[in-house]
C-alpha atoms as a PDB file:
ATOM      1  CA  UNK A   1     141.031  97.627  93.119  1.00  0.00           C
ATOM      2  CA  UNK A   2     137.502  97.521  93.210  1.00  0.00           C
ATOM      3  CA  UNK A   3     135.227  98.928  90.489  1.00  0.00           C
ATOM      4  CA  UNK A   4     133.070 101.903  90.870  1.00  0.00           C
ATOM      5  CA  UNK A   5     130.414 101.051  88.403  1.00  0.00           C
ATOM      6  CA  UNK A   6     128.006 103.724  89.615  1.00  0.00           C
ATOM      7  CA  UNK A   7     130.419 106.328  87.958  1.00  0.00           C
ATOM      8  CA  UNK A   8     131.609 104.463  85.472  1.00  0.00           C
ATOM      9  CA  UNK A   9     128.489 103.162  83.535  1.00  0.00           C
ATOM     10  CA  UNK A  10     126.317 105.466  81.496  1.00  0.00           C
ATOM     11  CA  UNK A  11     122.592 105.372  82.458  1.00  0.00           C
ATOM     12  CA  UNK A  12     121.510 102.933  79.817  1.00  0.00           C
ATOM     13  CA  UNK A  13     124.506 100.640  80.821  1.00  0.00           C
ATOM     14  CA  UNK A  14     123.624 100.913  84.695  1.00  0.00           C
ATOM     15  CA  UNK A  15     119.750  99.782  84.296  1.00  0.00           C
ATOM     16  CA  UNK A  16     121.077  96.953  81.927  1.00  0.00           C
ATOM     17  CA  UNK A  17     123.094  95.430  84.384  1.00  0.00           C
ATOM     18  CA  UNK A  18     121.040  96.464  87.533  1.00  0.00           C
ATOM     19  CA  UNK A  19     117.568  96.859  86.308  1.00  0.00           C
ATOM     20  CA  UNK A  20     117.128 100.257  88.335  1.00  0.00           C
ATOM     21  CA  UNK A  21     117.868 104.055  87.163  1.00  0.00           C
ATOM     22  CA  UNK A  22     120.964 105.380  88.539  1.00  0.00           C
ATOM     23  CA  UNK A  23     118.375 108.239  90.115  1.00  0.00           C
ATOM     24  CA  UNK A  24     116.605 105.616  91.703  1.00  0.00           C
ATOM     25  CA  UNK A  25     119.653 104.181  92.810  1.00  0.00           C
ATOM     26  CA  UNK A  26     121.016 107.397  94.265  1.00  0.00           C
ATOM     27  CA  UNK A  27     117.712 107.752  96.348  1.00  0.00           C
ATOM     28  CA  UNK A  28     117.922 104.100  97.830  1.00  0.00           C
ATOM     29  CA  UNK A  29     121.590 104.807  98.904  1.00  0.00           C
ATOM     30  CA  UNK A  30     120.478 108.161 100.288  1.00  0.00           C
ATOM     31  CA  UNK A  31     117.562 106.113 102.132  1.00  0.00           C
ATOM     32  CA  UNK A  32     120.271 103.599 103.388  1.00  0.00           C
ATOM     33  CA  UNK A  33     122.405 106.616 104.862  1.00  0.00           C
ATOM     34  CA  UNK A  34     123.236 105.873 108.597  1.00  0.00           C
ATOM     35  CA  UNK A  35     121.939 102.279 108.127  1.00  0.00           C
ATOM     36  CA  UNK A  36     124.610 100.535 106.013  1.00  0.00           C
ATOM     37  CA  UNK A  37     127.975 101.634 107.004  1.00  0.00           C
ATOM     38  CA  UNK A  38     131.280  99.506 106.496  1.00  0.00           C
ATOM     39  CA  UNK A  39     132.302  97.556 109.126  1.00  0.00           C
ATOM     40  CA  UNK A  40     135.532  95.601 108.639  1.00  0.00           C
ATOM     41  CA  UNK A  41     138.776  95.438 111.007  1.00  0.00           C
ATOM     42  CA  UNK A  42     140.767  94.809 107.612  1.00  0.00           C
ATOM     43  CA  UNK A  43     142.496  97.443 104.989  1.00  0.00           C
ATOM     44  CA  UNK A  44     139.293  97.778 102.615  1.00  0.00           C
ATOM     45  CA  UNK A  45     135.796  97.415 103.791  1.00  0.00           C
ATOM     46  CA  UNK A  46     133.352  97.396 101.218  1.00  0.00           C
ATOM     47  CA  UNK A  47     131.780 100.600 100.338  1.00  0.00           C
ATOM     48  CA  UNK A  48     127.839 100.931 101.046  1.00  0.00           C
ATOM     49  CA  UNK A  49     127.371 101.867  97.278  1.00  0.00           C
ATOM     50  CA  UNK A  50     129.136  98.325  96.205  1.00  0.00           C
ATOM     51  CA  UNK A  51     127.242  96.667  98.983  1.00  0.00           C
ATOM     52  CA  UNK A  52     124.120  97.849  97.139  1.00  0.00           C
ATOM     53  CA  UNK A  53     125.315  97.018  93.698  1.00  0.00           C
ATOM     54  CA  UNK A  54     126.446  93.787  94.536  1.00  0.00           C
ATOM     55  CA  UNK A  55     122.851  93.124  95.917  1.00  0.00           C
ATOM     56  CA  UNK A  56     121.161  94.400  93.143  1.00  0.00           C
ATOM     57  CA  UNK A  57     123.433  92.786  90.627  1.00  0.00           C
ATOM     58  CA  UNK A  58     122.598  89.359  92.306  1.00  0.00           C
ATOM     59  CA  UNK A  59     119.034  90.092  91.996  1.00  0.00           C
ATOM     60  CA  UNK A  60     118.836  91.398  88.475  1.00  0.00           C
ATOM     61  CA  UNK A  61     121.143  88.483  87.115  1.00  0.00           C
ATOM     62  CA  UNK A  62     120.231  85.417  89.279  1.00  0.00           C
ATOM     63  CA  UNK A  63     124.086  84.797  89.292  1.00  0.00           C
ATOM     64  CA  UNK A  64     125.930  83.060  91.533  1.00  0.00           C
ATOM     65  CA  UNK A  65     127.642  84.975  94.320  1.00  0.00           C
ATOM     66  CA  UNK A  66     131.125  83.953  93.176  1.00  0.00           C
ATOM     67  CA  UNK A  67     130.577  85.318  89.855  1.00  0.00           C
ATOM     68  CA  UNK A  68     129.237  88.584  91.017  1.00  0.00           C
ATOM     69  CA  UNK A  69     132.155  88.732  93.681  1.00  0.00           C
ATOM     70  CA  UNK A  70     134.651  88.640  91.020  1.00  0.00           C
ATOM     71  CA  UNK A  71     133.163  91.003  89.018  1.00  0.00           C
ATOM     72  CA  UNK A  72     133.466  93.450  91.995  1.00  0.00           C
ATOM     73  CA  UNK A  73     136.888  92.017  93.480  1.00  0.00           C
ATOM     74  CA  UNK A  74     135.525  90.608  96.514  1.00  0.00           C
ATOM     75  CA  UNK A  75     135.448  87.433  97.854  1.00  0.00           C
END
């Protein structure tokens, strides 16, 4: 089961992990409406929210993709 860190984390923890406020993240996600849609012929495509969070976590931490993928339960 994939995490929904946007809903799970409070504002302070969200900013620590992603270097962006939840409000700014929401505006970014709204800007990407219609541009980013999950495309996958498999059962569970990665949601737009998680795609953005994965990207931001990579930039915020400089961590390797495999570590971030493990955190979000994606490969």
